[in-house]
Amino acid sequence: MPDFLHIANSFATDPMASLMLAIPISFALIVLSEKIWWVHVPPAFVLLIVSIIFLEKRHLALDSFLVGIFAFPPLCRDIPNQPLLFRIGILWFSAFALIAAAIYAAGDRVQHVTPLGQLVNDRTSSPVTIMRAN
């Protein structure tokens, strides 16, 4: 049982693990979306809530894939036949998975800037600096 808790904890706290869970779920639900066109919304809503509550900062790769999951039901409602639904669904989620992977890969290269609050707290006032210089 502790293994399942560890897995659930990693999905709740690691954005990449959540993304790796969201991608196969979205592909698996394409089959059900033929009958129930809104089937992608509940898993996306759950992942969004978990992301907001447990992750300490927003993760753009997971959020971009969640946008794709939320945007698919209105699109899939208007697709006339099953083969076309499968083709469009696979292309749709593949495109959003590639976008999420590119965002995740680019996120490691970004230089993190010092938070503004830390800069303000470390700085002394101007008159004190002028007095100290004399």
Protein backbone atom coordinates (compact mmCIF):
# COMPACT_ATOMS: atom_id res chain seq x y z
CA MET A 1 0.00 0.00 0.00
CA PRO A 2 2.80 2.53 0.63
CA ASP A 3 3.83 2.08 -3.01
CA PHE A 4 0.42 3.29 -4.21
CA LEU A 5 0.64 6.26 -1.87
CA HIS A 6 4.10 7.08 -3.22
CA ILE A 7 2.82 6.88 -6.81
CA ALA A 8 -0.20 9.07 -5.97
CA ASN A 9 2.06 11.54 -4.18
CA SER A 10 4.39 11.78 -7.17
CA PHE A 11 1.44 12.40 -9.51
CA ALA A 12 0.18 15.11 -7.16
CA THR A 13 3.50 16.88 -6.63
CA ASP A 14 5.47 16.36 -9.86
CA PRO A 15 4.10 18.17 -12.93
CA MET A 16 5.93 15.86 -15.32
CA ALA A 17 4.37 12.77 -13.71
CA SER A 18 0.96 14.41 -14.02
CA LEU A 19 1.64 15.11 -17.68
CA MET A 20 2.73 11.51 -18.22
CA LEU A 21 -0.58 10.41 -16.67
CA ALA A 22 -2.68 12.88 -18.67
CA ILE A 23 -1.32 11.88 -22.08
CA PRO A 24 -2.30 8.16 -22.03
CA ILE A 25 -5.65 8.92 -20.37
CA SER A 26 -6.50 11.40 -23.12
CA PHE A 27 -5.64 8.89 -25.85
CA ALA A 28 -7.59 6.11 -24.12
CA LEU A 29 -10.69 8.27 -23.80
CA ILE A 30 -10.87 8.97 -27.55
CA VAL A 31 -12.79 5.71 -27.99
CA LEU A 32 -15.40 6.72 -25.41
CA SER A 33 -15.73 10.21 -26.84
CA GLU A 34 -17.74 8.80 -29.75
CA LYS A 35 -20.68 8.11 -27.42
CA ILE A 36 -20.01 10.59 -24.61
CA TRP A 37 -18.50 13.70 -26.18
CA TRP A 38 -17.67 15.39 -22.85
CA VAL A 39 -15.73 12.41 -21.41
CA HIS A 40 -12.39 14.30 -21.47
CA VAL A 41 -13.59 17.09 -19.21
CA PRO A 42 -13.76 15.23 -15.83
CA PRO A 43 -10.15 13.89 -15.95
CA ALA A 44 -8.90 17.29 -17.11
CA PHE A 45 -10.84 18.99 -14.32
CA VAL A 46 -9.37 16.59 -11.72
CA LEU A 47 -5.83 17.16 -13.03
CA LEU A 48 -6.37 20.92 -13.00
CA ILE A 49 -7.59 20.84 -9.38
CA VAL A 50 -4.63 18.64 -8.35
CA SER A 51 -2.28 21.00 -10.17
CA ILE A 52 -3.72 24.08 -8.48
CA ILE A 53 -3.82 22.60 -4.98
CA PHE A 54 -0.62 20.57 -4.79
CA LEU A 55 1.91 22.13 -7.15
CA GLU A 56 3.77 25.07 -5.66
CA LYS A 57 4.01 26.88 -8.99
CA ARG A 58 2.20 26.70 -12.30
CA HIS A 59 3.71 24.35 -14.83
CA LEU A 60 3.24 25.53 -18.40
CA ALA A 61 3.72 22.12 -20.06
CA LEU A 62 0.94 20.49 -18.02
CA ASP A 63 -1.30 23.53 -18.44
CA SER A 64 -0.88 23.53 -22.21
CA PHE A 65 -1.87 19.88 -22.40
CA LEU A 66 -4.88 20.55 -20.15
CA VAL A 67 -5.94 23.26 -22.60
CA GLY A 68 -5.91 20.60 -25.32
CA ILE A 69 -8.00 18.25 -23.21
CA PHE A 70 -10.55 20.95 -22.37
CA ALA A 71 -10.75 22.08 -26.01
CA PHE A 72 -11.29 18.61 -27.48
CA PRO A 73 -14.94 17.94 -26.41
CA PRO A 74 -16.47 20.85 -28.37
CA LEU A 75 -14.41 19.80 -31.38
CA CYS A 76 -15.30 16.12 -31.09
CA ARG A 77 -19.02 16.85 -30.75
CA ASP A 78 -19.14 18.03 -34.38
CA ILE A 79 -17.13 15.18 -35.98
CA PRO A 80 -19.54 13.08 -38.09
CA ASN A 81 -18.03 9.56 -38.08
CA GLN A 82 -15.89 7.26 -35.95
CA PRO A 83 -12.76 6.90 -38.16
CA LEU A 84 -12.50 10.64 -38.58
CA LEU A 85 -12.96 11.11 -34.82
CA PHE A 86 -10.11 8.70 -34.13
CA ARG A 87 -7.81 10.36 -36.67
CA ILE A 88 -8.52 13.88 -35.47
CA GLY A 89 -8.30 12.83 -31.82
CA ILE A 90 -4.93 11.16 -32.26
CA LEU A 91 -3.55 14.12 -34.23
CA TRP A 92 -5.02 16.59 -31.72
CA PHE A 93 -3.49 14.98 -28.64
CA SER A 94 -0.23 14.20 -30.41
CA ALA A 95 0.13 17.86 -31.32
CA PHE A 96 -0.58 19.00 -27.76
CA ALA A 97 1.80 16.34 -26.37
CA LEU A 98 4.55 17.64 -28.67
CA ILE A 99 3.82 21.22 -27.61
CA ALA A 100 3.95 20.19 -23.95
CA ALA A 101 7.22 18.30 -24.51
CA ALA A 102 8.76 21.32 -26.25
CA ILE A 103 7.66 23.63 -23.43
CA TYR A 104 9.02 21.23 -20.83
CA ALA A 105 12.35 20.93 -22.67
CA ALA A 106 12.66 24.70 -23.03
CA GLY A 107 11.77 25.23 -19.37
CA ASP A 108 15.04 23.75 -18.16
CA ARG A 109 17.05 26.31 -20.14
CA VAL A 110 15.34 29.36 -18.65
CA GLN A 111 17.48 31.27 -16.19
CA HIS A 112 15.50 31.88 -13.03
CA VAL A 113 15.56 35.49 -11.95
CA THR A 114 15.77 36.51 -8.30
CA PRO A 115 12.27 37.21 -6.96
CA LEU A 116 11.40 40.88 -6.70
CA GLY A 117 10.61 40.64 -2.98
CA GLN A 118 14.12 39.41 -2.23
CA LEU A 119 15.66 42.30 -4.17
CA VAL A 120 13.54 44.83 -2.30
CA ASN A 121 14.33 43.34 1.13
CA ASP A 122 18.10 43.22 0.52
CA ARG A 123 18.34 46.81 -0.70
CA THR A 124 18.99 49.56 1.81
CA SER A 125 17.46 52.97 1.44
CA SER A 126 19.24 55.65 -0.59
CA PRO A 127 19.98 58.12 2.27
CA VAL A 128 21.66 55.38 4.31
CA THR A 129 23.84 54.44 1.33
CA ILE A 130 24.82 58.09 0.77
CA MET A 131 25.66 58.56 4.44
CA ARG A 132 27.71 55.38 4.45
CA ALA A 133 29.69 56.55 1.40
CA ASN A 134 30.82 59.73 3.17
